Amino acid sequence: MIKSLLVSLIFIIIGTNVIAQNTFTISGVVRDNKDGLPGASIYLSGYKIATVADNDGKFKLPNLKPGSYDLLVQIVGYLPYSKSVIISDKSVVVDLVLKENVAQLDEVVVRADPNRQKYINQFKEFFIGKSPNALQCKILNPQVLNVDFDITKSTLTVTTTEFLVVENKALGYRLKYMLDHFEYNSRTHIIYYSGHPFFEELKASPAKKKKYISAREIAYHGSSQHFFRSLYAGKSKEEGFIINKMLKIPNPNRYPEYVINSTLEKIRTLPGKTGVRITAGKIDTALLNFWTKQQEMPRTIDKFSRGEVLPDTLVHYFDDNLKYLSYTDALIIQYTKEKESLAYSKTGFWIFRPLDVPENEISVANLTSPGVRFYENGGIHDSRSLLYEGFWAYEKVADMVPMDYVPLPHSNQ
């Protein structure tokens, strides 16, 4: 089973509050140590909102509602820059100081890695995804990726000091993605990435735009963004989501931990004195292998609980712009308005379901912290607070829409 710790990473950014009547401005200056930087591009992460600094490096982003935002800054010769900004009840002025991109200026030549292409292919699979939309995505500047594989930890790490540009011809977006971190552990099969995307519309004919709109509707509905947005509004069931629990029960095929540890200790340290079989002066390998496999066996197994969980028992207000979700075990989220596709069923992401459970899209959300905070627009505040399995682990950057995406009226399938 492939798991994906990726949800919040993309959406740690933005919260909005539609209750507020006023809008505010983020303004300021982009500069190096002393001078303003004219022509610097300033983006709002997760949105399609952007501006350019004037001749003095000054900029302004108006008409913003209260919430938490991430500013992204890009200009040739300088490292990409991000800054978190919170708007509560007044406009905000910021001073954005950029650092020179020494590697870019000096044109440093990196030693060729014969495995680089293999690692980049893995990165594409686990970052962009393997969905039908992913087949229409292309990384336009793979040369900016820095890849490293730690054989001792079985971990692939990817970073970049420039915006990664991804063209998505399925949804009609060009993404500029500031990748903070990417990690894939081939031993645990857990994927984690975090970063800040900015969305640009691809130029298209009216007929092509119509296809993009249809594809975006499908990508949005049933997504984690859709779920958390509906959960915040108290409409999750109305919009097609059913919540159950994935219970963790003791593995009946595994001996108790103390029995496993004590037996292995005897086998490894006191052979011949504890009743352990010795063959030709050596430890019984078959016996050692049995108890080693017992140690590696999962302590618990998953059980699909049929009892429906009421959202009101899970969700609480954290502050004016955030709600808080906390629970035990893991949540199973079924999206009843879409069935699992054939493409999805052939991947390693699918979740075991009892035979009488419909073939709805199913995702499992595991908490990695006491709780998770989320915004009205479906954005997650805590970047590593959730670990996804199932459909939400399967869908990645190729199936992502902006945080201010507004579905068509009555389009909730």
Protein backbone atom coordinates (compact mmCIF):
# COMPACT_ATOMS: atom_id res chain seq x y z
CA MET A 1 0.00 0.00 0.00
CA ILE A 2 1.39 3.37 -1.04
CA LYS A 3 0.70 6.21 1.34
CA SER A 4 1.05 9.87 0.68
CA LEU A 5 1.84 12.56 3.24
CA LEU A 6 1.10 15.34 0.84
CA VAL A 7 -2.16 16.89 1.35
CA SER A 8 -1.47 19.80 3.48
CA LEU A 9 1.86 20.48 1.93
CA ILE A 10 0.27 22.08 -1.05
CA PHE A 11 -2.41 23.80 0.93
CA ILE A 12 -0.73 25.10 4.06
CA ILE A 13 -1.32 28.53 2.77
CA ILE A 14 -4.51 30.31 2.49
CA GLY A 15 -7.53 30.93 4.60
CA THR A 16 -10.45 33.18 3.77
CA ASN A 17 -13.36 34.46 5.77
CA VAL A 18 -16.47 35.23 3.74
CA ILE A 19 -18.19 36.62 6.82
CA ALA A 20 -15.93 39.69 6.73
CA GLN A 21 -17.30 42.54 4.63
CA ASN A 22 -14.03 44.44 4.20
CA THR A 23 -11.08 43.58 1.99
CA PHE A 24 -7.48 44.52 2.59
CA THR A 25 -4.15 44.93 0.81
CA ILE A 26 -0.73 43.35 1.09
CA SER A 27 1.86 45.83 -0.09
CA GLY A 28 5.58 46.43 0.33
CA VAL A 29 8.91 46.36 -1.39
CA VAL A 30 11.09 43.62 -2.88
CA ARG A 31 14.82 44.33 -2.52
CA ASP A 32 18.26 42.88 -2.01
CA ASN A 33 20.38 44.12 0.89
CA LYS A 34 19.94 47.75 -0.16
CA ASP A 35 18.11 48.43 -3.44
CA GLY A 36 14.61 47.74 -4.67
CA LEU A 37 14.31 45.06 -7.36
CA PRO A 38 12.17 46.28 -10.29
CA GLY A 39 10.37 43.59 -12.28
CA ALA A 40 10.20 41.05 -9.47
CA SER A 41 7.14 38.78 -9.81
CA ILE A 42 4.99 38.43 -6.68
CA TYR A 43 2.45 35.59 -6.48
CA LEU A 44 -0.12 34.38 -3.97
CA SER A 45 0.58 30.71 -3.40
CA GLY A 46 -2.27 28.44 -4.42
CA TYR A 47 -4.04 31.17 -6.38
CA LYS A 48 -3.97 32.80 -9.81
CA ILE A 49 -3.32 36.23 -8.24
CA ALA A 50 -0.02 37.96 -9.08
CA THR A 51 1.63 41.33 -9.65
CA VAL A 52 5.00 42.80 -10.67
CA ALA A 53 7.18 45.17 -8.65
CA ASP A 54 7.55 48.70 -10.06
CA ASN A 55 10.82 50.54 -10.78
CA ASP A 56 11.43 50.98 -7.06
CA GLY A 57 10.63 47.37 -6.19
CA LYS A 58 7.25 48.32 -4.70
CA PHE A 59 4.12 46.21 -5.16
CA LYS A 60 0.48 45.96 -4.08
CA LEU A 61 -2.01 43.07 -3.89
CA PRO A 62 -5.49 44.52 -3.19
CA ASN A 63 -8.95 43.09 -2.47
CA LEU A 64 -7.86 40.30 -0.11
CA LYS A 65 -10.11 38.87 2.59
CA PRO A 66 -8.88 38.11 6.12
CA GLY A 67 -6.82 34.94 6.31
CA SER A 68 -3.35 33.47 6.04
CA TYR A 69 -1.41 33.87 2.77
CA ASP A 70 1.97 32.88 1.40
CA LEU A 71 3.72 35.38 -0.85
CA LEU A 72 6.06 33.94 -3.49
CA VAL A 73 8.70 36.11 -5.15
CA GLN A 74 10.72 35.34 -8.27
CA ILE A 75 13.34 37.33 -10.19
CA VAL A 76 16.28 36.17 -12.28
CA GLY A 77 19.56 36.00 -10.37
CA TYR A 78 17.92 35.60 -6.94
CA LEU A 79 16.71 32.62 -4.96
CA PRO A 80 12.93 32.12 -4.92
CA TYR A 81 11.46 33.59 -1.76
CA SER A 82 8.34 32.91 0.28
CA LYS A 83 6.82 34.72 3.24
CA SER A 84 3.72 33.95 5.30
CA VAL A 85 1.39 36.87 5.90
CA ILE A 86 -1.71 36.96 8.09
CA ILE A 87 -4.48 39.49 7.47
CA SER A 88 -6.88 39.97 10.38
CA ASP A 89 -8.50 43.39 10.47
CA LYS A 90 -6.12 45.70 8.58
CA SER A 91 -3.84 45.86 5.53
CA VAL A 92 -0.29 44.57 5.83
CA VAL A 93 3.02 46.09 4.68
CA VAL A 94 5.99 43.76 4.19
CA ASP A 95 9.69 44.08 3.42
CA LEU A 96 10.90 41.20 1.23
CA VAL A 97 14.70 40.79 1.16
CA LEU A 98 16.02 38.38 -1.48
CA LYS A 99 19.38 36.60 -1.68
CA GLU A 100 21.44 36.16 -4.82
CA ASN A 101 21.32 32.73 -6.44
CA VAL A 102 25.07 32.12 -6.40
CA ALA A 103 24.81 28.77 -8.18
CA GLN A 104 22.79 30.34 -10.99
CA LEU A 105 25.12 33.32 -11.35
CA ASP A 106 28.29 31.24 -11.33
CA GLU A 107 26.82 28.56 -13.64
CA VAL A 108 28.18 25.79 -11.47
CA VAL A 109 28.49 22.47 -13.30
CA VAL A 110 27.17 19.54 -11.27
CA ARG A 111 28.82 16.15 -11.70
CA ALA A 112 26.67 13.88 -13.83
CA ASP A 113 24.82 11.13 -11.97
CA PRO A 114 24.19 8.02 -14.09
CA ASN A 115 21.02 7.33 -12.08
CA ARG A 116 19.65 10.87 -12.33
CA GLN A 117 17.06 10.11 -15.00
CA LYS A 118 15.77 7.12 -13.05
CA TYR A 119 15.34 9.30 -9.95
CA ILE A 120 13.64 12.07 -11.95
CA ASN A 121 11.21 9.50 -13.40
CA GLN A 122 10.38 8.36 -9.85
CA PHE A 123 9.90 11.97 -8.80
CA LYS A 124 7.50 12.58 -11.70
CA GLU A 125 5.49 9.51 -10.76
CA PHE A 126 5.15 10.41 -7.09
CA PHE A 127 4.88 14.21 -7.46
CA ILE A 128 2.78 14.65 -10.61
CA GLY A 129 1.06 11.26 -10.26
CA LYS A 130 -0.06 8.41 -12.48
CA SER A 131 -3.65 9.46 -13.12
CA PRO A 132 -4.96 10.07 -16.68
CA ASN A 133 -4.39 13.81 -16.14
CA ALA A 134 -0.75 13.12 -15.26
CA LEU A 135 -0.19 11.71 -18.74
CA GLN A 136 -0.84 15.22 -20.08
CA CYS A 137 1.59 16.94 -17.70
CA LYS A 138 5.17 17.85 -18.46
CA ILE A 139 7.96 19.31 -16.33
CA LEU A 140 9.40 22.04 -18.53
CA ASN A 141 12.64 22.60 -16.60
CA PRO A 142 13.78 19.29 -15.03
CA GLN A 143 17.36 20.60 -15.02
CA VAL A 144 16.59 22.65 -11.88
CA LEU A 145 15.93 19.51 -9.83
CA ASN A 146 18.56 18.39 -7.34
CA VAL A 147 18.15 14.67 -6.66
CA ASP A 148 19.76 12.49 -4.01
CA PHE A 149 19.19 8.87 -3.03
CA ASP A 150 20.31 7.72 0.42
CA ILE A 151 20.80 3.99 0.07
CA THR A 152 21.12 3.48 3.83
CA LYS A 153 17.67 4.99 4.42
CA SER A 154 16.11 3.92 1.07
CA THR A 155 15.06 7.55 0.64
CA LEU A 156 14.87 9.67 -2.50
CA THR A 157 15.09 13.41 -1.78
CA VAL A 158 14.48 16.14 -4.36
CA THR A 159 14.97 19.88 -3.90
CA THR A 160 15.31 22.93 -6.13
CA THR A 161 16.51 26.51 -5.80
CA GLU A 162 14.28 27.70 -8.65
CA PHE A 163 10.59 27.48 -9.47
CA LEU A 164 9.69 24.15 -11.02
CA VAL A 165 7.45 24.74 -14.04
CA VAL A 166 4.80 22.12 -14.81
CA GLU A 167 2.51 22.37 -17.83
CA ASN A 168 -0.83 20.62 -17.30
CA LYS A 169 -2.60 20.24 -20.63
CA ALA A 170 -5.40 18.23 -19.02
CA LEU A 171 -6.62 21.05 -16.72
CA GLY A 172 -5.23 23.99 -18.68
CA TYR A 173 -2.76 25.31 -16.11
CA ARG A 174 0.91 26.15 -16.04
CA LEU A 175 2.16 25.76 -12.49
CA LYS A 176 5.13 27.54 -11.03
CA TYR A 177 5.90 25.39 -8.02
CA MET A 178 8.30 26.41 -5.28
CA LEU A 179 9.30 22.97 -4.04
CA ASP A 180 10.34 23.11 -0.40
CA HIS A 181 10.89 19.39 0.00
CA PHE A 182 10.18 16.04 -1.63
CA GLU A 183 10.86 12.68 -0.06
CA TYR A 184 9.99 9.12 -1.03
CA ASN A 185 10.93 6.16 1.16
CA SER A 186 10.96 2.97 -0.89
CA ARG A 187 10.98 0.90 2.29
CA THR A 188 7.84 2.37 3.87
CA HIS A 189 6.30 3.55 0.55
CA ILE A 190 5.46 6.90 2.15
CA ILE A 191 5.60 10.00 -0.05
CA TYR A 192 5.92 13.49 1.37
CA TYR A 193 6.27 16.76 -0.48
CA SER A 194 5.65 20.36 0.43
CA GLY A 195 5.72 23.57 -1.53
CA HIS A 196 3.86 26.53 -2.96
CA PRO A 197 2.12 26.45 -6.35
CA PHE A 198 1.06 29.37 -8.50
CA PHE A 199 -1.45 28.78 -11.29
CA GLU A 200 -1.43 30.42 -14.73
CA GLU A 201 -4.09 29.82 -17.36
CA LEU A 202 -2.91 28.22 -20.60
CA LYS A 203 -4.05 29.99 -23.75
CA ALA A 204 -6.79 28.00 -25.42
CA SER A 205 -9.59 28.18 -27.97
CA PRO A 206 -13.21 28.34 -26.72
CA ALA A 207 -13.63 24.62 -27.42
CA LYS A 208 -10.45 23.79 -25.50
CA LYS A 209 -11.48 26.00 -22.59
CA LYS A 210 -14.75 24.09 -22.38
CA LYS A 211 -12.77 20.83 -22.03
CA TYR A 212 -10.59 22.39 -19.35
CA ILE A 213 -13.64 23.50 -17.36
CA SER A 214 -15.11 20.01 -17.49
CA ALA A 215 -11.84 18.39 -16.44
CA ARG A 216 -11.40 20.84 -13.55
CA GLU A 217 -14.87 20.05 -12.25
CA ILE A 218 -14.01 16.35 -12.14
CA ALA A 219 -10.64 17.02 -10.50
CA TYR A 220 -12.16 19.22 -7.79
CA HIS A 221 -15.14 17.08 -6.83
CA GLY A 222 -14.25 14.38 -4.34
CA SER A 223 -10.81 15.88 -3.68
CA SER A 224 -9.45 16.59 -0.20
CA GLN A 225 -9.90 20.30 -0.95
CA HIS A 226 -13.59 19.72 -1.73
CA PHE A 227 -14.03 17.60 1.41
CA PHE A 228 -12.48 20.11 3.80
CA ARG A 229 -14.32 23.00 2.18
CA SER A 230 -17.64 21.19 2.59
CA LEU A 231 -16.70 20.09 6.12
CA TYR A 232 -16.03 23.69 7.11
CA ALA A 233 -19.45 24.70 5.75
CA GLY A 234 -21.18 21.81 7.52
CA LYS A 235 -22.29 20.32 4.18
CA SER A 236 -20.00 17.30 3.76
CA LYS A 237 -22.81 14.71 3.61
CA GLU A 238 -24.96 16.95 1.42
CA GLU A 239 -22.08 17.21 -1.04
CA GLY A 240 -21.56 13.46 -1.22
CA PHE A 241 -19.12 12.54 1.56
CA ILE A 242 -19.71 9.74 4.05
CA ILE A 243 -17.30 9.41 6.99
CA ASN A 244 -16.48 6.09 8.66
CA LYS A 245 -13.63 4.90 10.87
CA MET A 246 -10.72 2.63 10.04
CA LEU A 247 -10.13 0.91 13.35
CA LYS A 248 -6.75 -0.44 14.38
CA ILE A 249 -7.11 -3.84 16.04
CA PRO A 250 -4.34 -6.14 17.35
CA ASN A 251 -2.91 -8.41 14.67
CA PRO A 252 -4.08 -11.93 15.61
CA ASN A 253 -1.16 -13.47 13.66
CA ARG A 254 1.51 -11.63 15.67
CA TYR A 255 2.88 -12.70 19.04
CA PRO A 256 2.90 -10.10 21.85
CA GLU A 257 5.81 -7.66 21.65
CA TYR A 258 7.44 -8.82 24.89
CA VAL A 259 7.43 -12.45 23.70
CA ILE A 260 9.06 -11.51 20.37
CA ASN A 261 11.75 -9.33 21.96
CA SER A 262 12.64 -11.74 24.75
CA THR A 263 12.86 -14.71 22.38
CA LEU A 264 15.07 -12.87 19.90
CA GLU A 265 17.31 -11.72 22.74
CA LYS A 266 17.79 -15.32 23.86
CA ILE A 267 18.47 -16.56 20.34
CA ARG A 268 21.06 -13.88 19.59
CA THR A 269 22.94 -13.68 22.90
CA LEU A 270 22.67 -17.03 24.71
CA PRO A 271 22.60 -19.84 22.13
CA GLY A 272 22.62 -23.31 23.62
CA LYS A 273 21.60 -22.23 27.14
CA THR A 274 17.93 -21.43 26.67
CA GLY A 275 16.50 -24.41 24.85
CA VAL A 276 17.21 -22.85 21.42
CA ARG A 277 18.22 -25.48 18.89
CA ILE A 278 21.85 -25.46 17.75
CA THR A 279 22.90 -27.13 14.51
CA ALA A 280 26.62 -27.66 13.87
CA GLY A 281 27.41 -24.99 16.45
CA LYS A 282 25.19 -22.38 14.81
CA ILE A 283 21.85 -20.82 15.70
CA ASP A 284 18.83 -22.45 14.06
CA THR A 285 18.38 -20.05 11.11
CA ALA A 286 14.77 -21.05 10.48
CA LEU A 287 13.87 -20.25 14.07
CA LEU A 288 15.64 -16.89 13.94
CA ASN A 289 13.92 -16.02 10.65
CA PHE A 290 10.50 -16.89 12.10
CA TRP A 291 10.88 -14.53 15.06
CA THR A 292 12.46 -11.82 12.92
CA LYS A 293 9.43 -11.93 10.62
CA GLN A 294 7.20 -11.74 13.68
CA GLN A 295 9.01 -8.57 14.71
CA GLU A 296 8.53 -7.04 11.24
CA MET A 297 4.83 -7.94 11.11
CA PRO A 298 2.46 -4.98 11.74
CA ARG A 299 1.19 -4.83 15.29
CA THR A 300 -2.30 -3.91 14.16
CA ILE A 301 -4.55 -4.54 11.18
CA ASP A 302 -7.20 -2.28 9.71
CA LYS A 303 -10.91 -2.90 10.18
CA PHE A 304 -13.50 -1.01 8.13
CA SER A 305 -16.08 0.22 10.64
CA ARG A 306 -19.62 0.47 9.22
CA GLY A 307 -20.81 3.04 11.74
CA GLU A 308 -21.16 6.48 10.15
CA VAL A 309 -19.28 9.29 11.92
CA LEU A 310 -21.15 12.57 12.33
CA PRO A 311 -19.03 15.59 11.29
CA ASP A 312 -20.24 17.60 14.30
CA THR A 313 -18.42 15.18 16.60
CA LEU A 314 -15.12 15.81 14.80
CA VAL A 315 -15.02 19.52 13.95
CA HIS A 316 -14.54 22.45 16.31
CA TYR A 317 -13.77 26.16 15.92
CA PHE A 318 -10.10 27.04 16.43
CA ASP A 319 -10.41 30.79 15.77
CA ASP A 320 -12.30 33.12 13.42
CA ASN A 321 -10.58 31.76 10.31
CA LEU A 322 -9.76 28.18 11.26
CA LYS A 323 -11.58 25.05 12.30
CA TYR A 324 -10.00 22.10 14.04
CA LEU A 325 -10.40 18.40 13.25
CA SER A 326 -9.41 15.76 15.81
CA TYR A 327 -10.15 12.04 16.07
CA THR A 328 -8.80 8.64 17.07
CA ASP A 329 -7.95 5.75 14.73
CA ALA A 330 -8.26 6.90 11.09
CA LEU A 331 -11.06 8.38 9.01
CA ILE A 332 -12.47 6.67 5.94
CA ILE A 333 -13.94 9.22 3.54
CA GLN A 334 -16.21 7.89 0.82
CA TYR A 335 -17.21 10.15 -2.05
CA THR A 336 -20.51 8.71 -3.19
CA LYS A 337 -20.87 10.73 -6.39
CA GLU A 338 -17.93 9.16 -8.19
CA LYS A 339 -16.95 5.51 -8.59
CA GLU A 340 -13.39 4.29 -8.62
CA SER A 341 -11.96 4.39 -12.12
CA LEU A 342 -10.29 1.49 -13.89
CA ALA A 343 -7.01 3.45 -13.97
CA TYR A 344 -7.13 3.87 -10.18
CA SER A 345 -8.01 0.23 -9.50
CA LYS A 346 -4.80 -0.87 -11.27
CA THR A 347 -2.56 1.14 -8.93
CA GLY A 348 -1.17 0.30 -5.50
CA PHE A 349 -3.25 2.99 -3.80
CA TRP A 350 -6.61 1.22 -3.51
CA ILE A 351 -8.20 0.56 -0.11
CA PHE A 352 -9.61 -2.83 0.86
CA ARG A 353 -13.38 -2.65 1.22
CA PRO A 354 -15.96 -5.18 2.44
CA LEU A 355 -17.83 -6.76 -0.46
CA ASP A 356 -21.09 -4.98 0.34
CA VAL A 357 -19.52 -1.49 0.31
CA PRO A 358 -20.20 0.33 -2.99
CA GLU A 359 -17.25 1.09 -5.27
CA ASN A 360 -17.17 4.75 -4.26
CA GLU A 361 -13.91 6.67 -4.25
CA ILE A 362 -12.43 5.90 -0.84
CA SER A 363 -9.65 7.73 0.97
CA VAL A 364 -8.17 7.21 4.43
CA ALA A 365 -6.90 10.15 6.50
CA ASN A 366 -4.44 9.30 9.27
CA LEU A 367 -3.55 11.98 11.81
CA THR A 368 0.17 12.39 12.44
CA SER A 369 -0.42 15.02 15.15
CA PRO A 370 -3.15 15.57 17.78
CA GLY A 371 -5.30 17.42 15.24
CA VAL A 372 -5.40 19.39 12.01
CA ARG A 373 -6.45 22.99 11.38
CA PHE A 374 -8.17 23.90 8.14
CA TYR A 375 -9.57 26.95 6.37
CA GLU A 376 -12.92 27.75 4.80
CA ASN A 377 -11.49 27.27 1.31
CA GLY A 378 -10.38 23.71 2.10
CA GLY A 379 -6.74 24.59 2.75
CA ILE A 380 -4.84 22.71 5.47
CA HIS A 381 -2.76 24.78 7.88
CA ASP A 382 -0.50 22.07 9.33
CA SER A 383 1.70 20.73 6.57
CA ARG A 384 2.52 17.29 8.01
CA SER A 385 -0.57 16.68 10.11
CA LEU A 386 -2.23 14.19 7.74
CA LEU A 387 -1.13 11.03 5.96
CA TYR A 388 -3.41 9.95 3.11
CA GLU A 389 -4.08 6.53 1.69
CA GLY A 390 -6.40 5.57 -1.13
CA PHE A 391 -7.77 8.00 -3.69
CA TRP A 392 -6.31 11.16 -2.15
CA ALA A 393 -2.85 9.57 -2.14
CA TYR A 394 -3.34 8.62 -5.79
CA GLU A 395 -4.28 12.15 -6.90
CA LYS A 396 -1.34 14.54 -6.91
CA VAL A 397 -0.21 17.73 -8.66
CA ALA A 398 -1.77 16.69 -11.99
CA ASP A 399 -5.23 16.78 -10.38
CA MET A 400 -4.83 19.99 -8.38
CA VAL A 401 -6.90 23.16 -8.89
CA PRO A 402 -6.33 26.61 -7.30
CA MET A 403 -7.49 27.26 -3.76
CA ASP A 404 -9.91 29.93 -5.02
CA TYR A 405 -11.46 27.54 -7.53
CA VAL A 406 -15.22 27.99 -7.71
CA PRO A 407 -17.20 24.98 -9.05
CA LEU A 408 -19.97 25.60 -11.54
CA PRO A 409 -23.46 26.12 -10.08
CA HIS A 410 -25.25 22.84 -9.42
CA SER A 411 -22.19 20.94 -10.65
CA ASN A 412 -21.82 18.81 -7.53
CA GLN A 413 -22.37 15.67 -9.61
